[in-house]
Protein backbone atom coordinates (compact mmCIF):
# COMPACT_ATOMS: atom_id res chain seq x y z
CA MET A 1 -23.76 -11.84 -32.30
CA ASP A 2 -23.80 -9.61 -29.21
CA THR A 3 -20.37 -10.02 -27.63
CA GLU A 4 -22.03 -9.68 -24.21
CA LEU A 5 -23.54 -13.12 -24.78
CA ALA A 6 -20.13 -14.61 -25.57
CA ARG A 7 -18.58 -12.84 -22.58
CA THR A 8 -21.31 -14.19 -20.28
CA PHE A 9 -20.82 -17.68 -21.70
CA LEU A 10 -17.07 -17.56 -20.99
CA THR A 11 -17.69 -16.25 -17.48
CA VAL A 12 -19.99 -19.18 -16.71
CA VAL A 13 -17.32 -21.57 -18.00
CA GLU A 14 -14.69 -19.91 -15.80
CA ALA A 15 -16.89 -19.55 -12.69
CA GLY A 16 -18.36 -23.05 -12.86
CA ASN A 17 -21.98 -22.03 -12.29
CA PHE A 18 -24.50 -19.28 -12.94
CA ILE A 19 -24.41 -17.88 -9.39
CA ASN A 20 -20.66 -17.21 -9.36
CA ALA A 21 -20.82 -15.91 -12.93
CA ALA A 22 -23.50 -13.39 -11.89
CA GLU A 23 -21.31 -12.16 -9.03
CA ARG A 24 -18.33 -11.66 -11.34
CA LEU A 25 -20.42 -9.83 -13.93
CA HIS A 26 -22.25 -7.78 -11.28
CA VAL A 27 -25.65 -8.80 -12.61
CA SER A 28 -28.48 -11.00 -11.30
CA GLN A 29 -28.53 -14.75 -11.77
CA SER A 30 -31.69 -14.39 -13.87
CA THR A 31 -29.83 -12.05 -16.22
CA VAL A 32 -27.10 -14.66 -16.73
CA SER A 33 -29.75 -17.35 -17.35
CA THR A 34 -31.54 -15.12 -19.86
CA ARG A 35 -28.31 -14.38 -21.76
CA ILE A 36 -27.37 -18.07 -21.96
CA HIS A 37 -30.91 -18.97 -23.03
CA THR A 38 -30.75 -16.30 -25.76
CA LEU A 39 -27.38 -17.65 -26.90
CA GLU A 40 -28.70 -21.21 -27.03
CA ASN A 41 -31.74 -20.10 -29.07
CA LEU A 42 -29.48 -18.12 -31.40
CA LEU A 43 -27.17 -21.10 -32.04
CA GLY A 44 -29.89 -23.73 -31.89
CA CYS A 45 -28.17 -25.95 -29.32
CA VAL A 46 -27.69 -26.41 -25.58
CA MET A 47 -24.44 -24.98 -24.16
CA PHE A 48 -24.48 -26.36 -20.60
CA VAL A 49 -25.68 -29.34 -18.61
CA ARG A 50 -26.84 -27.97 -15.27
CA ASN A 51 -26.83 -29.99 -12.06
CA LYS A 52 -26.29 -29.58 -8.31
CA ALA A 53 -22.51 -29.58 -8.79
CA GLY A 54 -22.68 -26.63 -11.17
CA THR A 55 -22.49 -26.50 -14.94
CA THR A 56 -20.75 -28.73 -17.46
CA LEU A 57 -20.15 -27.90 -21.10
CA THR A 58 -21.97 -29.97 -23.69
CA PRO A 59 -20.04 -31.04 -26.81
CA ALA A 60 -21.60 -28.06 -28.61
CA GLY A 61 -20.56 -25.81 -25.73
CA ARG A 62 -16.95 -27.02 -25.90
CA GLN A 63 -16.91 -26.38 -29.63
CA PHE A 64 -18.35 -22.88 -29.20
CA GLN A 65 -15.85 -21.99 -26.45
CA ARG A 66 -12.97 -21.34 -28.83
CA HIS A 67 -15.20 -19.26 -31.10
CA ALA A 68 -16.46 -17.22 -28.13
CA THR A 69 -12.88 -16.61 -27.00
CA ALA A 70 -11.84 -15.50 -30.48
CA LEU A 71 -14.90 -13.24 -30.80
CA VAL A 72 -14.34 -11.45 -27.49
CA ARG A 73 -10.62 -11.06 -28.14
CA THR A 74 -11.22 -9.64 -31.60
CA VAL A 75 -13.59 -7.00 -30.26
CA ALA A 76 -11.20 -6.16 -27.39
CA GLN A 77 -8.29 -5.85 -29.83
CA ALA A 78 -10.35 -3.59 -32.07
CA ARG A 79 -11.07 -1.33 -29.11
CA HIS A 80 -7.35 -1.22 -28.31
CA ASP A 81 -6.43 -0.31 -31.88
CA ILE A 82 -9.17 2.27 -32.37
CA GLY A 83 -8.58 3.91 -29.01
CA LEU A 84 -4.81 4.27 -29.34
CA PRO A 85 -3.37 7.55 -28.07
CA GLU A 86 -1.89 9.76 -30.77
CA GLY A 87 1.67 8.80 -31.68
CA PHE A 88 1.34 5.12 -30.69
CA SER A 89 1.14 2.16 -33.06
CA GLY A 90 -0.02 -0.52 -30.63
CA ALA A 91 -1.35 -1.23 -27.15
CA LEU A 92 -0.65 -3.79 -24.43
CA VAL A 93 -2.65 -4.55 -21.30
CA ILE A 94 -0.86 -6.38 -18.50
CA GLY A 95 -2.44 -7.58 -15.27
CA GLY A 96 -0.46 -8.76 -12.26
CA ARG A 97 -0.67 -9.46 -8.55
CA ILE A 98 0.34 -6.43 -6.53
CA GLY A 99 3.17 -8.43 -4.94
CA LEU A 100 4.56 -9.18 -8.40
CA TRP A 101 4.33 -5.53 -9.40
CA GLU A 102 6.63 -4.77 -6.46
CA GLU A 103 10.26 -5.03 -7.54
CA PHE A 104 9.64 -7.38 -10.49
CA LEU A 105 7.05 -5.88 -12.85
CA LEU A 106 8.01 -2.34 -11.86
CA HIS A 107 11.52 -3.20 -13.10
CA TRP A 108 10.05 -4.78 -16.23
CA LEU A 109 7.91 -1.76 -17.10
CA PRO A 110 10.68 0.76 -18.01
CA LEU A 111 12.57 -1.96 -19.88
CA MET A 112 9.44 -2.68 -21.90
CA GLN A 113 8.84 1.00 -22.59
CA LYS A 114 12.42 1.40 -23.81
CA ALA A 115 12.19 -1.67 -26.06
CA THR A 116 8.79 -0.70 -27.53
CA PRO A 117 8.46 3.10 -27.30
CA THR A 118 5.50 3.25 -29.70
CA VAL A 119 3.37 0.83 -27.63
CA SER A 120 0.86 2.23 -25.14
CA ILE A 121 0.85 0.09 -21.98
CA ARG A 122 -2.01 -0.26 -19.53
CA ALA A 123 -0.92 -1.70 -16.16
CA GLU A 124 -3.50 -3.32 -13.87
CA SER A 125 -3.32 -4.96 -10.46
CA SER A 126 -5.80 -7.73 -9.64
CA LEU A 127 -6.11 -11.14 -8.04
CA GLU A 128 -5.86 -14.35 -10.05
CA PRO A 129 -9.59 -14.85 -10.85
CA GLU A 130 -9.94 -11.34 -12.27
CA ILE A 131 -6.70 -11.65 -14.27
CA MET A 132 -7.70 -15.04 -15.69
CA GLN A 133 -11.14 -13.73 -16.62
CA GLY A 134 -9.55 -10.76 -18.39
CA LEU A 135 -7.26 -13.10 -20.33
CA ILE A 136 -10.16 -15.32 -21.36
CA GLU A 137 -12.21 -12.34 -22.51
CA GLY A 138 -9.27 -10.74 -24.29
CA ARG A 139 -9.31 -7.59 -22.15
CA ILE A 140 -5.87 -8.48 -20.76
CA ASP A 141 -2.99 -9.47 -23.04
CA ILE A 142 -0.57 -10.79 -20.40
CA GLY A 143 -1.14 -11.94 -16.84
CA VAL A 144 1.50 -12.48 -14.15
CA MET A 145 0.37 -14.43 -11.10
CA TYR A 146 1.04 -17.19 -8.59
CA THR A 147 -1.85 -19.61 -9.18
CA PRO A 148 -2.98 -19.61 -12.83
CA GLN A 149 -5.57 -21.98 -14.18
CA SER A 150 -5.13 -24.04 -17.33
CA ARG A 151 -7.54 -22.79 -19.98
CA PRO A 152 -7.83 -23.56 -23.71
CA GLY A 153 -6.05 -20.97 -25.80
CA LEU A 154 -3.81 -19.73 -22.99
CA LYS A 155 -0.16 -20.61 -22.44
CA VAL A 156 1.35 -20.75 -18.95
CA GLU A 157 5.10 -20.34 -18.39
CA GLN A 158 6.96 -20.26 -15.10
CA LEU A 159 9.04 -17.14 -14.52
CA PHE A 160 10.72 -17.83 -11.17
CA ASP A 161 10.27 -19.36 -7.73
CA GLU A 162 9.20 -16.84 -5.12
CA ARG A 163 11.13 -17.34 -1.88
CA LEU A 164 8.80 -16.75 1.08
CA VAL A 165 10.46 -16.20 4.46
CA MET A 166 9.12 -15.49 7.91
CA VAL A 167 10.08 -12.04 9.17
CA SER A 168 9.22 -10.23 12.38
CA THR A 169 9.53 -6.78 13.86
CA SER A 170 11.04 -8.51 16.90
CA ALA A 171 14.61 -9.82 16.81
CA ARG A 172 13.68 -12.67 19.16
CA ASN A 173 10.62 -14.17 17.53
CA ALA A 174 10.10 -17.93 17.90
CA PRO A 175 10.17 -19.95 14.63
CA GLU A 176 6.40 -20.34 14.55
CA PRO A 177 3.31 -18.10 14.42
CA GLN A 178 3.07 -15.92 17.51
CA ALA A 179 0.74 -13.16 18.70
CA GLY A 180 0.59 -10.55 15.96
CA TYR A 181 1.19 -13.10 13.20
CA VAL A 182 -0.43 -12.17 9.89
CA TYR A 183 -1.37 -15.00 7.58
CA VAL A 184 -1.07 -14.04 3.92
CA ASP A 185 -2.95 -16.18 1.42
CA TRP A 186 -0.24 -17.13 -1.07
CA GLY A 187 -2.41 -19.85 -2.61
CA PRO A 188 -3.53 -23.42 -1.90
CA GLU A 189 -0.06 -24.97 -2.03
CA PHE A 190 1.24 -22.50 0.53
CA TYR A 191 -1.76 -23.24 2.75
CA ALA A 192 -1.10 -27.01 2.60
CA ARG A 193 2.62 -26.63 3.36
CA HIS A 194 2.02 -24.03 6.06
CA SER A 195 -0.47 -26.39 7.73
CA ALA A 196 2.00 -29.28 7.55
CA CYS A 197 4.78 -27.22 9.14
CA PHE A 198 2.58 -25.70 11.85
CA PRO A 199 0.03 -28.42 12.73
CA ASN A 200 -0.74 -26.83 16.11
CA PHE A 201 -1.44 -23.39 14.68
CA GLY A 202 -4.96 -22.45 15.75
CA GLY A 203 -5.45 -19.72 13.18
CA PRO A 204 -4.42 -16.09 12.77
CA SER A 205 -6.13 -13.04 14.20
CA LEU A 206 -5.58 -11.35 10.83
CA THR A 207 -5.57 -12.81 7.31
CA ALA A 208 -4.68 -10.82 4.19
CA ASN A 209 -5.21 -11.86 0.58
CA ILE A 210 -2.57 -9.36 -0.57
CA GLY A 211 1.02 -9.52 0.67
CA TRP A 212 1.45 -5.74 0.49
CA LEU A 213 -1.47 -5.24 2.90
CA GLY A 214 -0.12 -7.77 5.39
CA LEU A 215 3.39 -6.30 5.25
CA GLN A 216 2.15 -2.74 5.80
CA HIS A 217 0.24 -3.89 8.88
CA VAL A 218 3.25 -5.70 10.31
CA MET A 219 5.51 -2.71 9.69
CA LYS A 220 3.06 -0.31 11.34
CA SER A 221 1.66 -2.38 14.21
CA GLY A 222 4.34 -5.02 14.78
CA GLY A 223 4.12 -8.76 14.31
CA SER A 224 5.32 -11.35 11.85
CA GLY A 225 4.37 -13.12 8.65
CA TYR A 226 5.59 -14.74 5.44
CA PHE A 227 6.66 -12.40 2.64
CA PRO A 228 8.89 -12.56 -0.48
CA MET A 229 12.59 -12.22 0.33
CA ARG A 230 13.09 -9.81 -2.60
CA ILE A 231 10.58 -7.40 -1.01
CA VAL A 232 11.61 -7.61 2.65
CA LEU A 233 15.38 -7.63 2.02
CA PRO A 234 15.73 -3.80 2.21
CA HIS A 235 13.78 -3.80 5.50
CA ILE A 236 16.03 -6.53 6.88
CA ALA A 237 19.13 -4.57 5.88
CA ALA A 238 17.73 -1.51 7.64
CA LYS A 239 16.84 -3.66 10.70
CA ARG A 240 13.19 -2.72 10.49
CA LEU A 241 12.47 -6.43 10.08
CA HIS A 242 14.32 -9.54 11.17
CA LEU A 243 14.49 -13.00 9.64
CA VAL A 244 13.03 -15.52 12.06
CA ALA A 245 15.79 -18.04 12.74
CA GLY A 246 14.73 -21.67 12.37
CA ALA A 247 11.46 -20.90 10.62
CA PRO A 248 10.74 -22.96 7.49
CA GLU A 249 10.90 -21.31 4.09
CA PHE A 250 8.47 -21.84 1.23
CA SER A 251 8.79 -21.64 -2.54
CA VAL A 252 5.85 -20.37 -4.60
CA PRO A 253 6.17 -20.31 -8.41
CA ALA A 254 5.30 -17.14 -10.30
CA TYR A 255 3.89 -17.55 -13.81
CA VAL A 256 3.19 -15.51 -16.92
CA VAL A 257 0.04 -16.33 -18.93
CA TYR A 258 -0.77 -15.17 -22.46
CA PRO A 259 -2.73 -16.25 -25.56
CA VAL A 260 -1.08 -19.24 -27.21
CA ASP A 261 -2.13 -18.17 -30.71
CA SER A 262 -1.06 -14.56 -30.44
CA GLU A 263 1.03 -13.35 -33.36
CA ARG A 264 1.65 -9.91 -31.90
CA GLU A 265 5.36 -9.15 -31.67
CA VAL A 266 4.78 -6.87 -28.68
CA ILE A 267 3.60 -9.82 -26.56
CA ALA A 268 6.61 -11.91 -27.55
CA SER A 269 8.90 -8.99 -26.67
CA ALA A 270 7.20 -8.50 -23.30
CA ILE A 271 7.53 -12.19 -22.39
CA ASP A 272 11.18 -12.27 -23.44
CA ILE A 273 12.02 -9.27 -21.26
CA MET A 274 10.24 -10.88 -18.30
CA HIS A 275 12.22 -14.10 -18.66
CA ARG A 276 15.51 -12.23 -18.95
CA LEU A 277 14.66 -10.09 -15.92
CA ALA A 278 13.70 -13.16 -13.89
CA SER A 279 16.93 -14.93 -14.90
CA SER A 280 19.00 -11.87 -13.98
CA ALA A 281 17.26 -11.49 -10.63
CA THR A 282 17.86 -15.15 -9.83
CA LYS A 283 21.60 -14.58 -10.11
CA SER A 284 21.64 -11.43 -7.99
CA LYS A 285 21.91 -11.10 -4.25
CA THR A 286 18.41 -9.67 -4.02
CA ALA A 287 17.29 -12.66 -5.94
CA VAL A 288 13.96 -14.11 -6.66
CA LYS A 289 15.88 -17.34 -6.35
CA PRO A 290 14.59 -20.88 -6.20
CA VAL A 291 14.79 -22.59 -2.84
CA LYS A 292 13.76 -26.05 -1.87
CA TYR A 293 10.77 -26.42 0.37
CA VAL A 294 11.96 -26.87 3.94
CA THR A 295 9.90 -29.22 6.04
CA ARG A 296 11.25 -28.31 9.44
CA ALA A 297 8.37 -28.13 11.87
CA LYS A 298 8.20 -27.35 15.55
CA ARG A 299 8.09 -30.52 17.59
């Protein structure tokens, strides 16, 4: 079977419909339809029930899903093994949010290299949908993110609670969004809690889907926003940024996702180092430490 058919099938499952799947694969909707039709003819059964709400897997489609996942992963693993640089015995691909590469994964990387010197590591930075798709297709071995999705064959483990605090370039910023406030999309839970704490907030003049981008703008042009304490702590110490007194804090969990049936020792080693690093950071002053959600709102 052409693995492109299996990959397209898994993308439709992940995206929920043919239109979104076509966008993710950078092909036309008719191409996706043709591939699925070819797959259905090849297997002699219907994979999806299509309606206005999107697509739903048929019983045959659900049964084929695990085979498609295994097929794509096997081919991806073969490419890893065959394409290994000289002197290396294995390969590992890790995808993470850019905010989680800062401080956390960049500390994990040298520890991993020291523990497994014969493993070639490929580091990627993406948003959650791209990381999840890579995990499903087998192109990514480990994903680290804030808002994973539960998918068959993938295991999700919490690493730590990200402490989000409001900081400002002004030492006298009010404990609520002001002019120059940058809203960073830290996920749906953050949006719901942010809305509850600031019910009168009319909306930001600038929204960023990546914390790094929002922070760079604030540092360069002035303003405020919510960012991880572990990242802004050096800026606070240097008085380039100031904690906004009285502003609520938020806790966003960070997770690691990997294949549940993987027998590769390198993945187990990578996960173990991440957990130990997260535990160590939690106990330090620069911690990625858990905090309870604070519901203080401006009245």
